[in-house]
């Protein structure tokens, strides 16, 4: 998954919300598979949150506290998805140099 000298941005952060990176040339290694699995989970969770948000916006019954909670969850999921997109974008440009020209 990563090329030599290329680090993979992992879908979790370290202490102080610092990014975590993986250096490996084995896309089937334990840490690569763990990262892939967590990315899939994060992307699935954001889909469920989007559905919940759509329902909440379509009703007048949602309280301010419920909406704050939903916005907090959406912000966290958006941060996760942004990290996944950033990571995959880096991997794509390093694995297919012709694509970076567009």
Protein backbone atom coordinates (compact mmCIF):
# COMPACT_ATOMS: atom_id res chain seq x y z
CA UNK A 1 0.00 0.00 0.00
CA UNK A 2 2.85 2.39 0.70
CA UNK A 3 5.80 2.78 -1.58
CA UNK A 4 9.34 2.97 -0.20
CA UNK A 5 9.79 6.18 1.79
CA UNK A 6 6.02 6.82 1.70
CA UNK A 7 4.09 6.93 4.95
CA UNK A 8 0.42 6.00 5.23
CA UNK A 9 -1.71 8.35 7.29
CA UNK A 10 -3.58 6.09 9.69
CA UNK A 11 -7.29 6.56 10.49
CA UNK A 12 -6.62 7.38 14.14
CA UNK A 13 -4.62 9.98 15.95
CA UNK A 14 -2.06 9.79 18.71
CA UNK A 15 -1.60 11.77 21.91
CA UNK A 16 -2.49 15.41 21.51
CA UNK A 17 -4.50 14.55 18.38
CA UNK A 18 -1.23 14.19 16.44
CA UNK A 19 -1.43 12.19 13.18
CA UNK A 20 -0.14 8.62 13.15
CA UNK A 21 1.68 7.15 10.17
CA UNK A 22 2.61 3.65 9.02
CA UNK A 23 5.67 2.78 6.99
CA UNK A 24 5.32 -0.60 5.31
CA UNK A 25 5.60 -2.27 1.96
CA UNK A 26 3.11 -4.99 2.96
CA UNK A 27 -0.50 -3.99 2.18
CA UNK A 28 -1.65 -7.26 3.76
CA UNK A 29 0.24 -6.75 7.02
CA UNK A 30 -1.58 -6.60 10.35
CA UNK A 31 -1.42 -2.80 10.73
CA UNK A 32 -2.47 -2.19 7.11
CA UNK A 33 -5.46 -4.51 7.49
CA UNK A 34 -6.36 -2.92 10.84
CA UNK A 35 -6.26 0.55 9.25
CA UNK A 36 -8.35 -0.64 6.28
CA UNK A 37 -10.92 -2.15 8.64
CA UNK A 38 -11.18 0.98 10.75
CA UNK A 39 -11.52 3.17 7.64
CA UNK A 40 -14.39 0.98 6.44
CA UNK A 41 -16.07 1.26 9.84
CA UNK A 42 -15.66 5.04 9.90
CA UNK A 43 -17.12 5.40 6.42
CA UNK A 44 -20.07 3.20 7.39
CA UNK A 45 -20.72 5.25 10.52
CA UNK A 46 -20.83 8.51 8.61
CA UNK A 47 -23.50 7.05 6.34
CA UNK A 48 -25.68 6.24 9.33
CA UNK A 49 -25.11 9.70 10.79
CA UNK A 50 -26.07 11.36 7.52
CA UNK A 51 -29.33 9.44 7.52
CA UNK A 52 -29.97 10.45 11.13
CA UNK A 53 -29.21 14.10 10.31
CA UNK A 54 -31.58 14.06 7.35
CA UNK A 55 -34.35 12.71 9.57
CA UNK A 56 -33.62 15.27 12.29
CA UNK A 57 -33.72 18.13 9.80
CA UNK A 58 -37.06 16.89 8.48
CA UNK A 59 -38.76 17.09 11.86
CA UNK A 60 -39.66 19.93 14.19
CA UNK A 61 -39.42 17.65 17.26
CA UNK A 62 -35.63 17.62 17.67
CA UNK A 63 -34.46 19.53 20.74
CA UNK A 64 -31.51 21.88 20.78
CA UNK A 65 -29.52 19.40 22.89
CA UNK A 66 -30.26 16.58 20.42
CA UNK A 67 -29.13 18.77 17.53
CA UNK A 68 -25.92 19.75 19.36
CA UNK A 69 -25.17 16.09 20.00
CA UNK A 70 -25.80 15.25 16.35
CA UNK A 71 -23.60 18.11 15.14
CA UNK A 72 -20.81 16.96 17.48
CA UNK A 73 -21.05 13.41 16.10
CA UNK A 74 -21.14 14.70 12.52
CA UNK A 75 -18.06 16.86 13.12
CA UNK A 76 -16.16 13.84 14.48
CA UNK A 77 -17.20 11.69 11.54
CA UNK A 78 -16.33 14.42 9.07
CA UNK A 79 -12.86 14.63 10.65
CA UNK A 80 -12.48 10.85 10.28
CA UNK A 81 -13.64 10.86 6.64
CA UNK A 82 -11.35 13.78 5.84
CA UNK A 83 -8.42 11.81 7.29
CA UNK A 84 -9.38 8.74 5.21
CA UNK A 85 -9.70 10.85 2.05
CA UNK A 86 -6.36 12.53 2.71
CA UNK A 87 -4.69 9.19 3.26
CA UNK A 88 -6.21 7.58 0.19
CA UNK A 89 -5.42 10.63 -1.93
CA UNK A 90 -1.77 10.42 -0.93
CA UNK A 91 -1.71 6.71 -1.66
CA UNK A 92 -3.34 7.20 -5.05
CA UNK A 93 -0.89 9.86 -6.19
CA UNK A 94 2.10 7.80 -5.07
CA UNK A 95 0.83 4.59 -6.63
CA UNK A 96 -0.30 6.10 -9.95
CA UNK A 97 1.93 9.01 -10.95
CA UNK A 98 -0.01 9.59 -14.18
CA UNK A 99 -3.12 10.49 -12.19
CA UNK A 100 -1.37 13.36 -10.39
CA UNK A 101 -0.99 15.18 -13.71
CA UNK A 102 -4.75 15.84 -13.94
